[in-house]
Amino acid sequence: ISPEIQSYPNPFSQSTTISFSSPESGAAEVTIVNLLGQQVARLFAGELTAGEHSFEWNAAGEPVGSYFCIIRMNRSLKQVPMVLSH
């Protein structure tokens, strides 16, 4: 997973797009967790090819606050903080 994971817009009010690149293909999981570490969304689980990837999180119905997008791929874990505001 590339060191640069972007969430745009951030802060956001409805939805945000998480984008990153992977130098190699492999099994991946993209999840959203709250500050308690509870998973609130799974954006992707499966095989990803090498290259650029982006996933949209529609946070409708989620409470305002801070969240983390966690990307697990090939024994690597990266996270990016996100803020949901209204």
C-alpha atoms as a PDB file:
ATOM      1  CA  ILE A   1       0.000   0.000   0.000  1.00  0.00           C
ATOM      2  CA  SER A   2       1.346   3.407  -0.866  1.00  0.00           C
ATOM      3  CA  PRO A   3       2.231   5.678   2.043  1.00  0.00           C
ATOM      4  CA  GLU A   4      -0.243   8.244   0.728  1.00  0.00           C
ATOM      5  CA  ILE A   5      -3.849   7.381   1.429  1.00  0.00           C
ATOM      6  CA  GLN A   6      -6.209  10.225   0.715  1.00  0.00           C
ATOM      7  CA  SER A   7      -9.726  10.903   1.887  1.00  0.00           C
ATOM      8  CA  TYR A   8     -11.447  13.692  -0.016  1.00  0.00           C
ATOM      9  CA  PRO A   9     -13.250  15.726   1.077  1.00  0.00           C
ATOM     10  CA  ASN A  10     -12.134  15.602   4.691  1.00  0.00           C
ATOM     11  CA  PRO A  11     -13.926  16.812   6.812  1.00  0.00           C
ATOM     12  CA  PHE A  12     -17.051  15.727   4.943  1.00  0.00           C
ATOM     13  CA  SER A  13     -20.797  15.926   5.501  1.00  0.00           C
ATOM     14  CA  GLN A  14     -22.294  13.116   3.372  1.00  0.00           C
ATOM     15  CA  SER A  15     -19.676  10.988   1.685  1.00  0.00           C
ATOM     16  CA  THR A  16     -15.936  10.827   1.154  1.00  0.00           C
ATOM     17  CA  THR A  17     -13.712   9.005  -1.314  1.00  0.00           C
ATOM     18  CA  ILE A  18     -10.697   7.059  -0.073  1.00  0.00           C
ATOM     19  CA  SER A  19      -7.974   6.541  -2.661  1.00  0.00           C
ATOM     20  CA  PHE A  20      -4.624   4.790  -2.581  1.00  0.00           C
ATOM     21  CA  SER A  21      -2.283   2.831  -4.799  1.00  0.00           C
ATOM     22  CA  SER A  22      -0.881  -0.642  -4.392  1.00  0.00           C
ATOM     23  CA  PRO A  23       2.470  -1.708  -5.862  1.00  0.00           C
ATOM     24  CA  GLU A  24       1.299  -5.330  -6.103  1.00  0.00           C
ATOM     25  CA  SER A  25      -1.902  -7.332  -6.229  1.00  0.00           C
ATOM     26  CA  GLY A  26      -3.268  -9.271  -3.278  1.00  0.00           C
ATOM     27  CA  ALA A  27      -6.043  -9.803  -0.779  1.00  0.00           C
ATOM     28  CA  ALA A  28      -7.326  -6.533   0.638  1.00  0.00           C
ATOM     29  CA  GLU A  29      -9.918  -5.212   3.057  1.00  0.00           C
ATOM     30  CA  VAL A  30     -11.075  -1.601   3.368  1.00  0.00           C
ATOM     31  CA  THR A  31     -13.106  -0.823   6.492  1.00  0.00           C
ATOM     32  CA  ILE A  32     -14.327   2.195   8.454  1.00  0.00           C
ATOM     33  CA  VAL A  33     -14.130   2.172  12.249  1.00  0.00           C
ATOM     34  CA  ASN A  34     -15.241   4.647  14.904  1.00  0.00           C
ATOM     35  CA  LEU A  35     -13.070   5.911  17.763  1.00  0.00           C
ATOM     36  CA  LEU A  36     -14.048   2.857  19.840  1.00  0.00           C
ATOM     37  CA  GLY A  37     -12.587   0.601  17.142  1.00  0.00           C
ATOM     38  CA  GLN A  38     -16.018  -0.692  16.133  1.00  0.00           C
ATOM     39  CA  GLN A  39     -16.439  -1.393  12.436  1.00  0.00           C
ATOM     40  CA  VAL A  40     -19.205   0.772  10.967  1.00  0.00           C
ATOM     41  CA  ALA A  41     -18.679  -0.069   7.273  1.00  0.00           C
ATOM     42  CA  ARG A  42     -16.826  -2.478   5.014  1.00  0.00           C
ATOM     43  CA  LEU A  43     -16.102  -0.849   1.686  1.00  0.00           C
ATOM     44  CA  PHE A  44     -14.240  -3.748   0.102  1.00  0.00           C
ATOM     45  CA  ALA A  45     -13.041  -7.279   0.802  1.00  0.00           C
ATOM     46  CA  GLY A  46     -11.377  -9.379  -1.879  1.00  0.00           C
ATOM     47  CA  GLU A  47      -8.547  -9.345  -4.392  1.00  0.00           C
ATOM     48  CA  LEU A  48      -7.126  -6.067  -5.664  1.00  0.00           C
ATOM     49  CA  THR A  49      -4.789  -5.697  -8.615  1.00  0.00           C
ATOM     50  CA  ALA A  50      -1.716  -3.496  -8.516  1.00  0.00           C
ATOM     51  CA  GLY A  51      -2.432   0.169  -9.258  1.00  0.00           C
ATOM     52  CA  GLU A  52      -4.755   2.944  -8.194  1.00  0.00           C
ATOM     53  CA  HIS A  53      -7.932   2.220  -6.229  1.00  0.00           C
ATOM     54  CA  SER A  54     -10.701   4.364  -4.787  1.00  0.00           C
ATOM     55  CA  PHE A  55     -13.743   3.608  -2.662  1.00  0.00           C
ATOM     56  CA  GLU A  56     -16.596   5.876  -1.596  1.00  0.00           C
ATOM     57  CA  TRP A  57     -18.047   5.842   1.894  1.00  0.00           C
ATOM     58  CA  ASN A  58     -21.581   7.201   2.176  1.00  0.00           C
ATOM     59  CA  ALA A  59     -21.871   8.023   5.885  1.00  0.00           C
ATOM     60  CA  ALA A  60     -25.617   8.735   5.872  1.00  0.00           C
ATOM     61  CA  GLY A  61     -27.060   7.733   9.236  1.00  0.00           C
ATOM     62  CA  GLU A  62     -23.721   7.745  11.055  1.00  0.00           C
ATOM     63  CA  PRO A  63     -23.210  10.168  13.949  1.00  0.00           C
ATOM     64  CA  VAL A  64     -20.994  13.232  13.551  1.00  0.00           C
ATOM     65  CA  GLY A  65     -17.468  12.557  14.757  1.00  0.00           C
ATOM     66  CA  SER A  66     -14.072  11.088  13.962  1.00  0.00           C
ATOM     67  CA  TYR A  67     -13.514   7.846  12.078  1.00  0.00           C
ATOM     68  CA  PHE A  68     -10.616   5.909  10.614  1.00  0.00           C
ATOM     69  CA  CYS A  69     -10.416   4.170   7.271  1.00  0.00           C
ATOM     70  CA  ILE A  70      -8.276   1.043   7.697  1.00  0.00           C
ATOM     71  CA  ILE A  71      -6.744  -0.639   4.674  1.00  0.00           C
ATOM     72  CA  ARG A  72      -5.261  -4.095   5.133  1.00  0.00           C
ATOM     73  CA  MET A  73      -3.353  -5.614   2.240  1.00  0.00           C
ATOM     74  CA  ASN A  74      -0.555  -8.177   2.005  1.00  0.00           C
ATOM     75  CA  ARG A  75       0.272  -8.101   5.738  1.00  0.00           C
ATOM     76  CA  SER A  76       0.354  -4.295   5.647  1.00  0.00           C
ATOM     77  CA  LEU A  77      -2.036  -2.013   7.525  1.00  0.00           C
ATOM     78  CA  LYS A  78      -2.561   1.686   6.877  1.00  0.00           C
ATOM     79  CA  GLN A  79      -5.128   4.042   8.331  1.00  0.00           C
ATOM     80  CA  VAL A  80      -6.330   7.544   7.594  1.00  0.00           C
ATOM     81  CA  PRO A  81      -8.354   9.715  10.014  1.00  0.00           C
ATOM     82  CA  MET A  82     -11.602  11.251   8.747  1.00  0.00           C
ATOM     83  CA  VAL A  83     -14.059  13.707  10.278  1.00  0.00           C
ATOM     84  CA  LEU A  84     -17.803  13.539   9.607  1.00  0.00           C
ATOM     85  CA  SER A  85     -19.491  16.897  10.191  1.00  0.00           C
ATOM     86  CA  HIS A  86     -22.895  18.345   9.341  1.00  0.00           C
END
